[in-house]
Amino acid sequence: MYKAWGSLMPADSIPAIAEESIELTIFSAGSFQFGIESSQVRGSRLMPESDLLQIETILAIKEQTAELHRQTLIIKHPDGDYELSVSSPLQLCTLPASAIYPLPVAVT
């Protein structure tokens, strides 16, 4: 038992210090999953324009996946938003910051 806030409390009832977390928009490219910090995503829409740049091209992923649908992912940028074609579905999730691995410099 630990003394906390002036009373005796069992150790497992002491509030844990929250680890920093990041909200991500997750998408698949080939057999990989990637995430973009959700604060950098302006939005998405179904049925992308056929001439949009595909995320697989940017990431140099050559393998093809059996995909039925694609979405337009709109990324914020100071010089103007970027629209990219990504596989559906997009997923939103929150991960601890310690679980995030940045892309290599060659990709960024």
Protein backbone atom coordinates (compact mmCIF):
# COMPACT_ATOMS: atom_id res chain seq x y z
CA MET A 1 0.00 0.00 0.00
CA TYR A 2 1.07 3.54 -0.73
CA LYS A 3 0.04 6.76 0.91
CA ALA A 4 -1.43 9.01 -1.76
CA TRP A 5 -3.56 12.10 -1.44
CA GLY A 6 -3.71 11.76 2.32
CA SER A 7 -5.21 8.27 2.39
CA LEU A 8 -3.95 4.72 2.12
CA MET A 9 -4.52 3.21 -1.34
CA PRO A 10 -3.48 -0.10 -2.88
CA ALA A 11 -0.64 0.31 -5.41
CA ASP A 12 -2.82 -0.83 -8.33
CA SER A 13 -5.35 1.94 -7.71
CA ILE A 14 -2.85 4.82 -8.04
CA PRO A 15 -3.47 6.55 -11.36
CA ALA A 16 -0.76 5.80 -13.91
CA ILE A 17 1.02 8.67 -15.58
CA ALA A 18 -0.30 8.72 -19.12
CA GLU A 19 2.26 8.08 -21.83
CA GLU A 20 2.23 10.56 -24.68
CA SER A 21 0.16 9.28 -27.58
CA ILE A 22 -0.33 10.20 -31.22
CA GLU A 23 -3.53 9.99 -33.25
CA LEU A 24 -2.88 8.44 -36.66
CA THR A 25 -4.70 7.90 -39.93
CA ILE A 26 -3.67 4.41 -41.06
CA PHE A 27 -3.68 3.08 -44.63
CA SER A 28 -2.26 0.06 -46.44
CA ALA A 29 0.26 0.14 -49.26
CA GLY A 30 1.23 -3.25 -50.63
CA SER A 31 1.52 -5.58 -47.66
CA PHE A 32 2.57 -2.74 -45.33
CA GLN A 33 0.62 -0.37 -43.12
CA PHE A 34 1.57 3.29 -42.76
CA GLY A 35 0.26 6.09 -40.63
CA ILE A 36 0.11 9.84 -40.98
CA GLU A 37 -0.41 12.00 -37.94
CA SER A 38 -4.13 12.80 -38.08
CA SER A 39 -3.54 16.50 -37.40
CA GLN A 40 -1.82 16.62 -40.83
CA VAL A 41 -4.85 15.15 -42.63
CA ARG A 42 -7.44 17.61 -43.90
CA GLY A 43 -9.87 14.88 -44.93
CA SER A 44 -10.66 12.07 -47.31
CA ARG A 45 -13.28 11.16 -49.85
CA LEU A 46 -14.33 8.09 -51.77
CA MET A 47 -13.76 7.59 -55.49
CA PRO A 48 -10.51 9.47 -56.07
CA GLU A 49 -9.70 11.14 -59.32
CA SER A 50 -8.12 8.60 -61.67
CA ASP A 51 -5.07 10.79 -62.30
CA LEU A 52 -4.07 11.20 -58.63
CA LEU A 53 -0.63 10.12 -57.53
CA GLN A 54 -0.81 6.78 -55.72
CA ILE A 55 0.87 6.49 -52.32
CA GLU A 56 2.55 3.26 -53.47
CA THR A 57 4.43 5.27 -56.10
CA ILE A 58 5.72 7.75 -53.52
CA LEU A 59 6.81 4.94 -51.19
CA ALA A 60 8.33 2.92 -54.07
CA ILE A 61 6.19 -0.13 -53.29
CA LYS A 62 6.04 -2.29 -56.39
CA GLU A 63 3.91 -5.17 -55.12
CA GLN A 64 0.27 -5.11 -56.09
CA THR A 65 -2.53 -5.77 -53.66
CA ALA A 66 -6.00 -6.98 -54.45
CA GLU A 67 -7.88 -3.80 -53.75
CA LEU A 68 -11.45 -3.06 -54.59
CA HIS A 69 -11.64 0.59 -53.60
CA ARG A 70 -9.39 3.57 -53.24
CA GLN A 71 -9.85 6.86 -51.44
CA THR A 72 -8.44 10.33 -51.82
CA LEU A 73 -6.41 11.31 -48.75
CA ILE A 74 -6.00 15.08 -48.44
CA ILE A 75 -2.77 16.05 -46.64
CA LYS A 76 -2.21 19.57 -45.26
CA HIS A 77 0.82 21.49 -46.50
CA PRO A 78 1.78 25.18 -46.22
CA ASP A 79 2.10 25.46 -50.02
CA GLY A 80 -1.31 23.88 -50.58
CA ASP A 81 -2.96 20.57 -49.82
CA TYR A 82 -1.79 17.34 -51.45
CA GLU A 83 -4.29 14.78 -52.69
CA LEU A 84 -3.12 11.17 -52.83
CA SER A 85 -4.81 7.94 -53.84
CA VAL A 86 -4.70 5.32 -51.05
CA SER A 87 -6.30 1.93 -50.50
CA SER A 88 -9.58 1.80 -48.60
CA PRO A 89 -10.42 1.64 -45.81
CA LEU A 90 -8.65 4.32 -43.83
CA GLN A 91 -8.49 3.70 -40.10
CA LEU A 92 -8.08 6.07 -37.19
CA CYS A 93 -6.18 4.97 -34.13
CA THR A 94 -4.21 6.27 -31.17
CA LEU A 95 -0.80 4.75 -30.45
CA PRO A 96 1.72 5.41 -27.71
CA ALA A 97 4.51 7.64 -29.02
CA SER A 98 7.05 4.93 -28.15
CA ALA A 99 5.44 2.60 -30.72
CA ILE A 100 6.05 4.98 -33.65
CA TYR A 101 9.01 4.52 -35.99
CA PRO A 102 9.73 7.33 -38.45
CA LEU A 103 10.26 6.68 -42.14
CA PRO A 104 13.85 6.68 -43.39
CA VAL A 105 15.17 10.03 -44.63
CA ALA A 106 15.15 8.75 -48.23
CA VAL A 107 11.35 8.46 -48.08
CA THR A 108 10.59 11.74 -46.28
